[in-house]
Amino acid sequence: MNTKDKILESGLKLFSKKGYLGATTREIAKAAGIAEITLFRYFPSKEKLFEEVIHTNLFLPALRGLLPEIAELSYEEGLRIIAKRFLDFLAERKDLVRIMHSEIHRYNEKIHKIYHSIIDEIFKTLASYFTEMQKKEILRTFDTELGARAFLGMLFSYFDAENFLMLKKYKCTDTNTVIKEFVVIFIKGTAK
């Protein structure tokens, strides 16, 4: 593993454990096995490091890679795959999601902009999939960006309730059943 990747991995671990505000560049450098000055050669500030950690560890790269894979699948199957990968992705990064969810209100404006620009890019990327489905006349006309927010939002709400709000008593059944139901609900609202 190269130095940059070690820094990113250590940053992910410490940001996930302590949050952006709690993790220091000194701790991240130490965890990566490098001097703090070396960290700053790769990332001129903690904000830049955080931006790269978030950019590489949010759903955006995975979603971009996924869209060509599902381009020729049915709308329902494509949505199921997106939903499954999104929930798996959240589960794999549960600690990062938890800490960001709990401390986002404490971030400065620059960190808010970094976070929200990446989240907005996720919605725009999924919206491009919906736009393609509209061009194929599979979907009715609707604001595809709002559709992307609605689809990922309902999945995130399920994940949030199951993992952070401790609503286990309301657990439907297994995740695959939840995905199937959510996809059917979403299709009925978007298909022609």
N, C-alpha and C. Protein backbone atom coordinates (compact mmCIF):
# COMPACT_ATOMS: atom_id res chain seq x y z
N MET A 1 0.84 -1.18 0.00
CA MET A 1 0.00 0.00 0.00
C MET A 1 0.89 1.24 0.00
N ASN A 2 0.57 2.19 -0.87
CA ASN A 2 1.40 3.39 -0.93
C ASN A 2 1.05 4.35 0.23
N THR A 3 1.87 5.36 0.40
CA THR A 3 1.72 6.29 1.52
C THR A 3 0.37 7.00 1.52
N LYS A 4 -0.07 7.47 0.36
CA LYS A 4 -1.35 8.16 0.28
C LYS A 4 -2.49 7.25 0.73
N ASP A 5 -2.47 6.01 0.27
CA ASP A 5 -3.52 5.07 0.66
C ASP A 5 -3.48 4.77 2.16
N LYS A 6 -2.28 4.69 2.73
CA LYS A 6 -2.16 4.49 4.18
C LYS A 6 -2.77 5.66 4.94
N ILE A 7 -2.52 6.86 4.46
CA ILE A 7 -3.08 8.05 5.11
C ILE A 7 -4.60 8.02 5.01
N LEU A 8 -5.13 7.71 3.82
CA LEU A 8 -6.57 7.67 3.63
C LEU A 8 -7.21 6.59 4.50
N GLU A 9 -6.58 5.44 4.59
CA GLU A 9 -7.10 4.36 5.42
C GLU A 9 -7.10 4.75 6.90
N SER A 10 -6.01 5.35 7.34
CA SER A 10 -5.92 5.80 8.74
C SER A 10 -6.92 6.92 9.00
N GLY A 11 -7.07 7.82 8.03
CA GLY A 11 -8.05 8.89 8.16
C GLY A 11 -9.46 8.34 8.29
N LEU A 12 -9.79 7.37 7.45
CA LEU A 12 -11.11 6.75 7.52
C LEU A 12 -11.35 6.14 8.89
N LYS A 13 -10.37 5.38 9.38
CA LYS A 13 -10.53 4.73 10.68
C LYS A 13 -10.71 5.74 11.81
N LEU A 14 -9.88 6.77 11.81
CA LEU A 14 -9.95 7.74 12.91
C LEU A 14 -11.14 8.68 12.78
N PHE A 15 -11.49 9.11 11.56
CA PHE A 15 -12.69 9.92 11.39
C PHE A 15 -13.93 9.11 11.78
N SER A 16 -13.91 7.81 11.49
CA SER A 16 -15.04 6.94 11.84
C SER A 16 -15.16 6.75 13.34
N LYS A 17 -14.03 6.73 14.00
CA LYS A 17 -14.02 6.51 15.45
C LYS A 17 -14.22 7.80 16.24
N LYS A 18 -13.54 8.87 15.83
CA LYS A 18 -13.54 10.11 16.61
C LYS A 18 -14.26 11.27 15.94
N GLY A 19 -14.61 11.12 14.68
CA GLY A 19 -15.25 12.20 13.94
C GLY A 19 -14.21 13.17 13.39
N TYR A 20 -14.68 14.07 12.55
CA TYR A 20 -13.79 15.07 11.96
C TYR A 20 -13.19 15.94 13.05
N LEU A 21 -14.01 16.33 13.99
CA LEU A 21 -13.56 17.26 15.02
C LEU A 21 -12.60 16.60 16.02
N GLY A 22 -12.79 15.32 16.30
CA GLY A 22 -11.98 14.64 17.31
C GLY A 22 -10.66 14.08 16.80
N ALA A 23 -10.61 13.70 15.54
CA ALA A 23 -9.39 13.11 14.98
C ALA A 23 -8.38 14.22 14.66
N THR A 24 -7.14 14.00 15.00
CA THR A 24 -6.10 14.99 14.69
C THR A 24 -5.20 14.47 13.58
N THR A 25 -4.56 15.39 12.88
CA THR A 25 -3.63 14.97 11.82
C THR A 25 -2.44 14.23 12.43
N ARG A 26 -2.07 14.58 13.62
CA ARG A 26 -0.97 13.88 14.30
C ARG A 26 -1.34 12.41 14.51
N GLU A 27 -2.55 12.15 15.00
CA GLU A 27 -3.01 10.78 15.23
C GLU A 27 -3.11 10.00 13.91
N ILE A 28 -3.61 10.67 12.88
CA ILE A 28 -3.76 10.01 11.59
C ILE A 28 -2.40 9.64 11.03
N ALA A 29 -1.46 10.56 11.11
CA ALA A 29 -0.10 10.29 10.62
C ALA A 29 0.52 9.13 11.40
N LYS A 30 0.38 9.14 12.71
CA LYS A 30 0.94 8.08 13.55
C LYS A 30 0.34 6.72 13.17
N ALA A 31 -0.99 6.69 12.97
CA ALA A 31 -1.66 5.44 12.59
C ALA A 31 -1.20 4.95 11.21
N ALA A 32 -0.82 5.89 10.34
CA ALA A 32 -0.34 5.54 9.00
C ALA A 32 1.14 5.16 9.01
N GLY A 33 1.80 5.39 10.15
CA GLY A 33 3.22 5.06 10.26
C GLY A 33 4.13 6.06 9.59
N ILE A 34 3.69 7.31 9.56
CA ILE A 34 4.47 8.37 8.91
C ILE A 34 4.57 9.58 9.84
N ALA A 35 5.41 10.52 9.48
CA ALA A 35 5.50 11.77 10.22
C ALA A 35 4.35 12.69 9.77
N GLU A 36 3.92 13.56 10.66
CA GLU A 36 2.82 14.46 10.34
C GLU A 36 3.17 15.35 9.14
N ILE A 37 4.41 15.74 9.02
CA ILE A 37 4.84 16.58 7.88
C ILE A 37 4.63 15.83 6.56
N THR A 38 4.80 14.52 6.57
CA THR A 38 4.57 13.71 5.37
C THR A 38 3.09 13.74 4.99
N LEU A 39 2.23 13.66 5.99
CA LEU A 39 0.79 13.74 5.73
C LEU A 39 0.47 15.04 4.99
N PHE A 40 1.07 16.14 5.45
CA PHE A 40 0.79 17.44 4.84
C PHE A 40 1.38 17.59 3.44
N ARG A 41 2.32 16.74 3.07
CA ARG A 41 2.83 16.74 1.68
C ARG A 41 1.75 16.20 0.74
N TYR A 42 0.94 15.29 1.24
CA TYR A 42 -0.13 14.70 0.43
C TYR A 42 -1.44 15.48 0.53
N PHE A 43 -1.70 16.00 1.72
CA PHE A 43 -2.93 16.73 1.99
C PHE A 43 -2.57 18.00 2.75
N PRO A 44 -2.70 19.17 2.12
CA PRO A 44 -2.24 20.42 2.74
C PRO A 44 -3.01 20.83 3.99
N SER A 45 -4.17 20.20 4.23
CA SER A 45 -4.94 20.53 5.42
C SER A 45 -5.78 19.33 5.85
N LYS A 46 -6.24 19.37 7.07
CA LYS A 46 -7.13 18.33 7.57
C LYS A 46 -8.42 18.31 6.73
N GLU A 47 -8.88 19.48 6.32
CA GLU A 47 -10.09 19.57 5.49
C GLU A 47 -9.90 18.83 4.16
N LYS A 48 -8.75 19.01 3.54
CA LYS A 48 -8.48 18.33 2.26
C LYS A 48 -8.42 16.82 2.44
N LEU A 49 -7.82 16.38 3.53
CA LEU A 49 -7.77 14.95 3.84
C LEU A 49 -9.19 14.43 4.05
N PHE A 50 -9.97 15.13 4.83
CA PHE A 50 -11.34 14.73 5.09
C PHE A 50 -12.14 14.66 3.79
N GLU A 51 -11.97 15.66 2.94
CA GLU A 51 -12.66 15.68 1.65
C GLU A 51 -12.34 14.44 0.83
N GLU A 52 -11.06 14.08 0.78
CA GLU A 52 -10.66 12.89 0.01
C GLU A 52 -11.19 11.61 0.65
N VAL A 53 -11.14 11.53 1.97
CA VAL A 53 -11.68 10.35 2.67
C VAL A 53 -13.17 10.21 2.36
N ILE A 54 -13.89 11.31 2.46
CA ILE A 54 -15.34 11.28 2.20
C ILE A 54 -15.60 10.95 0.73
N HIS A 55 -14.87 11.60 -0.15
CA HIS A 55 -15.07 11.38 -1.59
C HIS A 55 -14.85 9.91 -1.97
N THR A 56 -13.84 9.30 -1.41
CA THR A 56 -13.53 7.92 -1.77
C THR A 56 -14.32 6.90 -0.98
N ASN A 57 -14.97 7.33 0.12
CA ASN A 57 -15.67 6.38 0.97
C ASN A 57 -17.16 6.61 1.08
N LEU A 58 -17.71 7.47 0.26
CA LEU A 58 -19.15 7.57 0.17
C LEU A 58 -19.59 6.76 -1.05
N PHE A 59 -20.87 6.70 -1.29
CA PHE A 59 -21.44 5.81 -2.29
C PHE A 59 -21.18 6.24 -3.73
N LEU A 60 -20.68 7.45 -3.94
CA LEU A 60 -20.54 7.99 -5.29
C LEU A 60 -19.68 7.13 -6.21
N PRO A 61 -18.45 6.76 -5.84
CA PRO A 61 -17.67 5.92 -6.77
C PRO A 61 -18.34 4.57 -7.06
N ALA A 62 -18.95 3.99 -6.04
CA ALA A 62 -19.63 2.71 -6.23
C ALA A 62 -20.82 2.87 -7.18
N LEU A 63 -21.59 3.94 -7.00
CA LEU A 63 -22.75 4.17 -7.86
C LEU A 63 -22.33 4.42 -9.29
N ARG A 64 -21.29 5.21 -9.48
CA ARG A 64 -20.81 5.45 -10.85
C ARG A 64 -20.39 4.16 -11.54
N GLY A 65 -19.77 3.26 -10.80
CA GLY A 65 -19.37 1.98 -11.37
C GLY A 65 -20.54 1.05 -11.62
N LEU A 66 -21.59 1.22 -10.84
CA LEU A 66 -22.75 0.36 -10.92
C LEU A 66 -23.67 0.67 -12.11
N LEU A 67 -23.80 1.93 -12.46
CA LEU A 67 -24.76 2.31 -13.49
C LEU A 67 -24.54 1.62 -14.84
N PRO A 68 -23.31 1.51 -15.33
CA PRO A 68 -23.13 0.77 -16.59
C PRO A 68 -23.52 -0.71 -16.47
N GLU A 69 -23.33 -1.29 -15.28
CA GLU A 69 -23.68 -2.69 -15.05
C GLU A 69 -25.18 -2.94 -15.17
N ILE A 70 -25.99 -1.97 -14.77
CA ILE A 70 -27.43 -2.17 -14.73
C ILE A 70 -28.17 -1.54 -15.91
N ALA A 71 -27.43 -0.93 -16.81
CA ALA A 71 -28.04 -0.18 -17.92
C ALA A 71 -29.03 -1.01 -18.73
N GLU A 72 -28.75 -2.27 -18.92
CA GLU A 72 -29.62 -3.10 -19.75
C GLU A 72 -30.58 -3.97 -18.95
N LEU A 73 -30.55 -3.86 -17.64
CA LEU A 73 -31.47 -4.63 -16.81
C LEU A 73 -32.82 -3.95 -16.75
N SER A 74 -33.82 -4.68 -16.29
CA SER A 74 -35.14 -4.07 -16.09
C SER A 74 -35.01 -2.99 -15.02
N TYR A 75 -35.94 -2.06 -15.05
CA TYR A 75 -35.96 -0.97 -14.07
C TYR A 75 -36.03 -1.55 -12.65
N GLU A 76 -36.89 -2.51 -12.44
CA GLU A 76 -37.04 -3.11 -11.11
C GLU A 76 -35.75 -3.77 -10.64
N GLU A 77 -35.14 -4.55 -11.51
CA GLU A 77 -33.89 -5.22 -11.13
C GLU A 77 -32.78 -4.21 -10.88
N GLY A 78 -32.71 -3.18 -11.71
CA GLY A 78 -31.71 -2.13 -11.50
C GLY A 78 -31.87 -1.45 -10.15
N LEU A 79 -33.11 -1.12 -9.80
CA LEU A 79 -33.36 -0.48 -8.51
C LEU A 79 -33.02 -1.41 -7.35
N ARG A 80 -33.33 -2.68 -7.49
CA ARG A 80 -33.00 -3.63 -6.42
C ARG A 80 -31.49 -3.71 -6.20
N ILE A 81 -30.76 -3.73 -7.29
CA ILE A 81 -29.30 -3.80 -7.17
C ILE A 81 -28.76 -2.52 -6.53
N ILE A 82 -29.24 -1.37 -6.97
CA ILE A 82 -28.80 -0.10 -6.36
C ILE A 82 -29.12 -0.11 -4.87
N ALA A 83 -30.34 -0.50 -4.52
CA ALA A 83 -30.76 -0.51 -3.12
C ALA A 83 -29.89 -1.44 -2.29
N LYS A 84 -29.66 -2.63 -2.79
CA LYS A 84 -28.84 -3.61 -2.05
C LYS A 84 -27.42 -3.09 -1.85
N ARG A 85 -26.83 -2.58 -2.90
CA ARG A 85 -25.46 -2.07 -2.79
C ARG A 85 -25.38 -0.86 -1.87
N PHE A 86 -26.40 0.00 -1.92
CA PHE A 86 -26.42 1.18 -1.06
C PHE A 86 -26.50 0.76 0.41
N LEU A 87 -27.40 -0.16 0.74
CA LEU A 87 -27.52 -0.61 2.13
C LEU A 87 -26.28 -1.37 2.58
N ASP A 88 -25.71 -2.19 1.70
CA ASP A 88 -24.45 -2.89 2.04
C ASP A 88 -23.34 -1.87 2.29
N PHE A 89 -23.30 -0.86 1.45
CA PHE A 89 -22.29 0.18 1.56
C PHE A 89 -22.41 0.90 2.90
N LEU A 90 -23.63 1.28 3.26
CA LEU A 90 -23.86 1.95 4.55
C LEU A 90 -23.45 1.05 5.71
N ALA A 91 -23.77 -0.23 5.61
CA ALA A 91 -23.42 -1.17 6.69
C ALA A 91 -21.91 -1.29 6.84
N GLU A 92 -21.19 -1.32 5.71
CA GLU A 92 -19.73 -1.43 5.75
C GLU A 92 -19.08 -0.18 6.36
N ARG A 93 -19.73 0.94 6.23
CA ARG A 93 -19.19 2.21 6.74
C ARG A 93 -20.06 2.78 7.86
N LYS A 94 -20.65 1.88 8.59
CA LYS A 94 -21.59 2.25 9.65
C LYS A 94 -21.00 3.24 10.65
N ASP A 95 -19.76 3.02 11.06
CA ASP A 95 -19.14 3.91 12.04
C ASP A 95 -18.97 5.32 11.49
N LEU A 96 -18.54 5.43 10.24
CA LEU A 96 -18.38 6.75 9.61
C LEU A 96 -19.74 7.44 9.47
N VAL A 97 -20.75 6.69 9.04
CA VAL A 97 -22.08 7.25 8.88
C VAL A 97 -22.60 7.74 10.24
N ARG A 98 -22.41 6.93 11.27
CA ARG A 98 -22.89 7.27 12.61
C ARG A 98 -22.24 8.56 13.12
N ILE A 99 -20.92 8.63 13.00
CA ILE A 99 -20.22 9.79 13.55
C ILE A 99 -20.55 11.06 12.76
N MET A 100 -20.66 10.94 11.44
CA MET A 100 -21.00 12.12 10.63
C MET A 100 -22.44 12.55 10.91
N HIS A 101 -23.30 11.59 11.05
CA HIS A 101 -24.71 11.86 11.34
C HIS A 101 -24.86 12.59 12.67
N SER A 102 -24.05 12.21 13.63
CA SER A 102 -24.18 12.80 14.96
C SER A 102 -23.48 14.15 15.10
N GLU A 103 -22.43 14.42 14.31
CA GLU A 103 -21.70 15.67 14.50
C GLU A 103 -21.82 16.65 13.35
N ILE A 104 -22.62 16.34 12.34
CA ILE A 104 -22.70 17.20 11.15
C ILE A 104 -23.10 18.63 11.52
N HIS A 105 -23.93 18.79 12.52
CA HIS A 105 -24.38 20.12 12.92
C HIS A 105 -23.26 20.95 13.53
N ARG A 106 -22.15 20.30 13.88
CA ARG A 106 -21.03 21.02 14.50
C ARG A 106 -19.93 21.38 13.50
N TYR A 107 -20.04 20.94 12.26
CA TYR A 107 -19.01 21.21 11.26
C TYR A 107 -19.03 22.68 10.85
N ASN A 108 -17.86 23.18 10.47
CA ASN A 108 -17.81 24.53 9.95
C ASN A 108 -18.38 24.55 8.52
N GLU A 109 -18.55 25.74 7.99
CA GLU A 109 -19.20 25.89 6.69
C GLU A 109 -18.43 25.19 5.57
N LYS A 110 -17.12 25.23 5.62
CA LYS A 110 -16.31 24.60 4.57
C LYS A 110 -16.52 23.08 4.55
N ILE A 111 -16.56 22.46 5.71
CA ILE A 111 -16.78 21.01 5.80
C ILE A 111 -18.21 20.68 5.35
N HIS A 112 -19.17 21.51 5.73
CA HIS A 112 -20.54 21.32 5.26
C HIS A 112 -20.59 21.32 3.73
N LYS A 113 -19.90 22.27 3.11
CA LYS A 113 -19.90 22.37 1.65
C LYS A 113 -19.29 21.13 1.02
N ILE A 114 -18.18 20.65 1.57
CA ILE A 114 -17.54 19.43 1.06
C ILE A 114 -18.53 18.27 1.12
N TYR A 115 -19.10 18.06 2.27
CA TYR A 115 -20.03 16.94 2.50
C TYR A 115 -21.23 17.04 1.57
N HIS A 116 -21.85 18.22 1.54
CA HIS A 116 -23.07 18.37 0.74
C HIS A 116 -22.80 18.33 -0.75
N SER A 117 -21.65 18.78 -1.20
CA SER A 117 -21.36 18.71 -2.64
C SER A 117 -21.23 17.25 -3.08
N ILE A 118 -20.66 16.42 -2.24
CA ILE A 118 -20.53 15.00 -2.58
C ILE A 118 -21.89 14.31 -2.53
N ILE A 119 -22.69 14.61 -1.51
CA ILE A 119 -24.04 14.04 -1.43
C ILE A 119 -24.87 14.47 -2.64
N ASP A 120 -24.78 15.75 -3.01
CA ASP A 120 -25.51 16.23 -4.18
C ASP A 120 -25.07 15.51 -5.45
N GLU A 121 -23.79 15.21 -5.54
CA GLU A 121 -23.28 14.48 -6.72
C GLU A 121 -23.84 13.05 -6.76
N ILE A 122 -24.03 12.44 -5.62
CA ILE A 122 -24.66 11.11 -5.58
C ILE A 122 -26.07 11.21 -6.14
N PHE A 123 -26.83 12.21 -5.69
CA PHE A 123 -28.20 12.37 -6.18
C PHE A 123 -28.22 12.66 -7.68
N LYS A 124 -27.32 13.50 -8.16
CA LYS A 124 -27.27 13.81 -9.59
C LYS A 124 -26.91 12.58 -10.41
N THR A 125 -26.03 11.75 -9.88
CA THR A 125 -25.63 10.53 -10.60
C THR A 125 -26.81 9.57 -10.71
N LEU A 126 -27.52 9.36 -9.60
CA LEU A 126 -28.70 8.50 -9.66
C LEU A 126 -29.78 9.13 -10.54
N ALA A 127 -29.92 10.44 -10.48
CA ALA A 127 -30.89 11.14 -11.33
C ALA A 127 -30.60 10.89 -12.80
N SER A 128 -29.32 10.78 -13.17
CA SER A 128 -28.97 10.51 -14.57
C SER A 128 -29.50 9.15 -15.01
N TYR A 129 -29.52 8.19 -14.10
CA TYR A 129 -30.10 6.86 -14.40
C TYR A 129 -31.60 7.01 -14.65
N PHE A 130 -32.28 7.76 -13.79
CA PHE A 130 -33.72 7.96 -13.97
C PHE A 130 -34.01 8.71 -15.28
N THR A 131 -33.17 9.67 -15.62
CA THR A 131 -33.34 10.41 -16.87
C THR A 131 -33.23 9.46 -18.07
N GLU A 132 -32.26 8.54 -18.02
CA GLU A 132 -32.13 7.56 -19.09
C GLU A 132 -33.37 6.68 -19.19
N MET A 133 -33.93 6.30 -18.06
CA MET A 133 -35.15 5.49 -18.05
C MET A 133 -36.33 6.31 -18.62
N GLN A 134 -36.33 7.61 -18.38
CA GLN A 134 -37.37 8.47 -18.96
C GLN A 134 -37.22 8.53 -20.48
N LYS A 135 -35.99 8.64 -20.96
CA LYS A 135 -35.74 8.69 -22.41
C LYS A 135 -36.19 7.40 -23.08
N LYS A 136 -36.08 6.29 -22.35
CA LYS A 136 -36.53 4.99 -22.88
C LYS A 136 -38.04 4.82 -22.73
N GLU A 137 -38.69 5.85 -22.18
CA GLU A 137 -40.13 5.87 -21.95
C GLU A 137 -40.59 4.79 -20.98
N ILE A 138 -39.73 4.45 -20.05
CA ILE A 138 -40.07 3.50 -18.99
C ILE A 138 -40.68 4.24 -17.81
N LEU A 139 -40.20 5.47 -17.60
CA LEU A 139 -40.66 6.28 -16.47
C LEU A 139 -41.49 7.46 -16.95
N ARG A 140 -42.41 7.87 -16.10
CA ARG A 140 -43.18 9.08 -16.37
C ARG A 140 -42.27 10.29 -16.14
N THR A 141 -42.74 11.45 -16.52
CA THR A 141 -41.98 12.67 -16.31
C THR A 141 -42.06 13.07 -14.84
N PHE A 142 -40.92 13.25 -14.21
CA PHE A 142 -40.83 13.76 -12.85
C PHE A 142 -39.44 14.34 -12.68
N ASP A 143 -39.24 15.11 -11.62
CA ASP A 143 -37.94 15.69 -11.32
C ASP A 143 -37.03 14.55 -10.86
N THR A 144 -36.08 14.18 -11.71
CA THR A 144 -35.26 13.01 -11.42
C THR A 144 -34.36 13.19 -10.20
N GLU A 145 -33.95 14.42 -9.94
CA GLU A 145 -33.12 14.65 -8.76
C GLU A 145 -33.94 14.46 -7.48
N LEU A 146 -35.18 14.93 -7.49
CA LEU A 146 -36.06 14.68 -6.35
C LEU A 146 -36.33 13.18 -6.21
N GLY A 147 -36.48 12.51 -7.34
CA GLY A 147 -36.68 11.06 -7.31
C GLY A 147 -35.49 10.34 -6.68
N ALA A 148 -34.29 10.79 -7.04
CA ALA A 148 -33.08 10.19 -6.46
C ALA A 148 -33.03 10.42 -4.96
N ARG A 149 -33.37 11.63 -4.54
CA ARG A 149 -33.40 11.93 -3.10
C ARG A 149 -34.43 11.06 -2.38
N ALA A 150 -35.60 10.88 -3.01
CA ALA A 150 -36.65 10.07 -2.40
C ALA A 150 -36.22 8.61 -2.28
N PHE A 151 -35.64 8.07 -3.35
CA PHE A 151 -35.26 6.66 -3.34
C PHE A 151 -34.16 6.39 -2.31
N LEU A 152 -33.08 7.14 -2.37
CA LEU A 152 -31.99 6.91 -1.41
C LEU A 152 -32.41 7.33 0.00
N GLY A 153 -33.28 8.33 0.08
CA GLY A 153 -33.76 8.79 1.39
C GLY A 153 -34.54 7.73 2.13
N MET A 154 -35.42 7.01 1.43
CA MET A 154 -36.18 5.97 2.13
C MET A 154 -35.28 4.83 2.56
N LEU A 155 -34.27 4.53 1.75
CA LEU A 155 -33.32 3.48 2.14
C LEU A 155 -32.48 3.92 3.33
N PHE A 156 -32.03 5.18 3.30
CA PHE A 156 -31.24 5.68 4.43
C PHE A 156 -32.08 5.73 5.70
N SER A 157 -33.33 6.10 5.59
CA SER A 157 -34.21 6.13 6.76
C SER A 157 -34.35 4.74 7.38
N TYR A 158 -34.50 3.73 6.52
CA TYR A 158 -34.56 2.35 7.01
C TYR A 158 -33.26 1.98 7.73
N PHE A 159 -32.13 2.27 7.09
CA PHE A 159 -30.82 1.97 7.68
C PHE A 159 -30.66 2.70 9.02
N ASP A 160 -31.01 3.96 9.04
CA ASP A 160 -30.89 4.79 10.24
C ASP A 160 -31.74 4.21 11.38
N ALA A 161 -32.97 3.86 11.08
CA ALA A 161 -33.86 3.31 12.10
C ALA A 161 -33.34 1.99 12.63
N GLU A 162 -32.85 1.15 11.76
CA GLU A 162 -32.35 -0.17 12.16
C GLU A 162 -31.04 -0.10 12.94
N ASN A 163 -30.19 0.83 12.59
CA ASN A 163 -28.84 0.84 13.15
C ASN A 163 -28.60 1.87 14.24
N PHE A 164 -29.29 2.99 14.20
CA PHE A 164 -28.99 4.06 15.15
C PHE A 164 -30.14 4.41 16.07
N LEU A 165 -31.36 4.26 15.59
CA LEU A 165 -32.50 4.63 16.40
C LEU A 165 -33.04 3.46 17.23
N MET A 166 -32.41 2.32 17.05
CA MET A 166 -32.75 1.11 17.81
C MET A 166 -34.23 0.73 17.70
N LEU A 167 -34.78 0.83 16.51
CA LEU A 167 -36.17 0.46 16.30
C LEU A 167 -36.30 -1.00 15.86
N LYS A 168 -35.57 -1.87 16.50
CA LYS A 168 -35.55 -3.28 16.13
C LYS A 168 -36.94 -3.91 16.19
N LYS A 169 -37.78 -3.48 17.12
CA LYS A 169 -39.10 -4.09 17.24
C LYS A 169 -39.97 -3.85 16.01
N TYR A 170 -39.59 -2.85 15.18
CA TYR A 170 -40.35 -2.56 13.97
C TYR A 170 -39.74 -3.21 12.74
N LYS A 171 -38.71 -3.99 12.94
CA LYS A 171 -38.02 -4.61 11.81
C LYS A 171 -39.00 -5.47 11.00
N CYS A 172 -39.11 -5.17 9.72
CA CYS A 172 -40.07 -5.88 8.86
C CYS A 172 -39.76 -7.36 8.81
N THR A 173 -38.75 -7.72 8.20
CA THR A 173 -38.25 -9.08 8.13
C THR A 173 -36.79 -8.94 7.79
N ASP A 174 -36.40 -9.52 6.69
CA ASP A 174 -35.01 -9.39 6.29
C ASP A 174 -34.85 -8.22 5.32
N THR A 175 -33.60 -7.80 5.12
CA THR A 175 -33.31 -6.65 4.28
C THR A 175 -33.78 -6.85 2.84
N ASN A 176 -33.67 -8.07 2.33
CA ASN A 176 -34.10 -8.30 0.94
C ASN A 176 -35.60 -8.06 0.77
N THR A 177 -36.39 -8.40 1.79
CA THR A 177 -37.84 -8.14 1.73
C THR A 177 -38.09 -6.64 1.76
N VAL A 178 -37.36 -5.93 2.59
CA VAL A 178 -37.49 -4.47 2.67
C VAL A 178 -37.15 -3.85 1.31
N ILE A 179 -36.04 -4.28 0.72
CA ILE A 179 -35.63 -3.76 -0.59
C ILE A 179 -36.73 -4.01 -1.62
N LYS A 180 -37.23 -5.22 -1.65
CA LYS A 180 -38.28 -5.57 -2.62
C LYS A 180 -39.50 -4.66 -2.46
N GLU A 181 -39.94 -4.46 -1.23
CA GLU A 181 -41.12 -3.62 -0.96
C GLU A 181 -40.85 -2.15 -1.33
N PHE A 182 -39.70 -1.63 -0.93
CA PHE A 182 -39.37 -0.25 -1.26
C PHE A 182 -39.31 -0.04 -2.76
N VAL A 183 -38.71 -0.98 -3.47
CA VAL A 183 -38.59 -0.86 -4.93
C VAL A 183 -39.97 -0.87 -5.57
N VAL A 184 -40.85 -1.74 -5.12
CA VAL A 184 -42.21 -1.80 -5.67
C VAL A 184 -42.94 -0.48 -5.41
N ILE A 185 -42.83 0.03 -4.19
CA ILE A 185 -43.45 1.32 -3.85
C ILE A 185 -42.91 2.42 -4.77
N PHE A 186 -41.61 2.44 -4.95
CA PHE A 186 -40.99 3.49 -5.77
C PHE A 186 -41.39 3.35 -7.23
N ILE A 187 -41.41 2.13 -7.74
CA ILE A 187 -41.78 1.91 -9.14
C ILE A 187 -43.21 2.38 -9.38
N LYS A 188 -44.11 2.08 -8.46
CA LYS A 188 -45.51 2.48 -8.65
C LYS A 188 -45.66 4.00 -8.71
N GLY A 189 -44.72 4.72 -8.11
CA GLY A 189 -44.79 6.17 -8.16
C GLY A 189 -44.05 6.79 -9.33
N THR A 190 -43.22 6.00 -10.02
CA THR A 190 -42.38 6.58 -11.08
C THR A 190 -42.59 5.98 -12.46
N ALA A 191 -43.08 4.74 -12.53
CA ALA A 191 -43.20 4.09 -13.84
C ALA A 191 -44.37 4.69 -14.62
N LYS A 192 -44.27 4.59 -15.93
CA LYS A 192 -45.34 5.08 -16.83
C LYS A 192 -46.53 4.16 -16.72
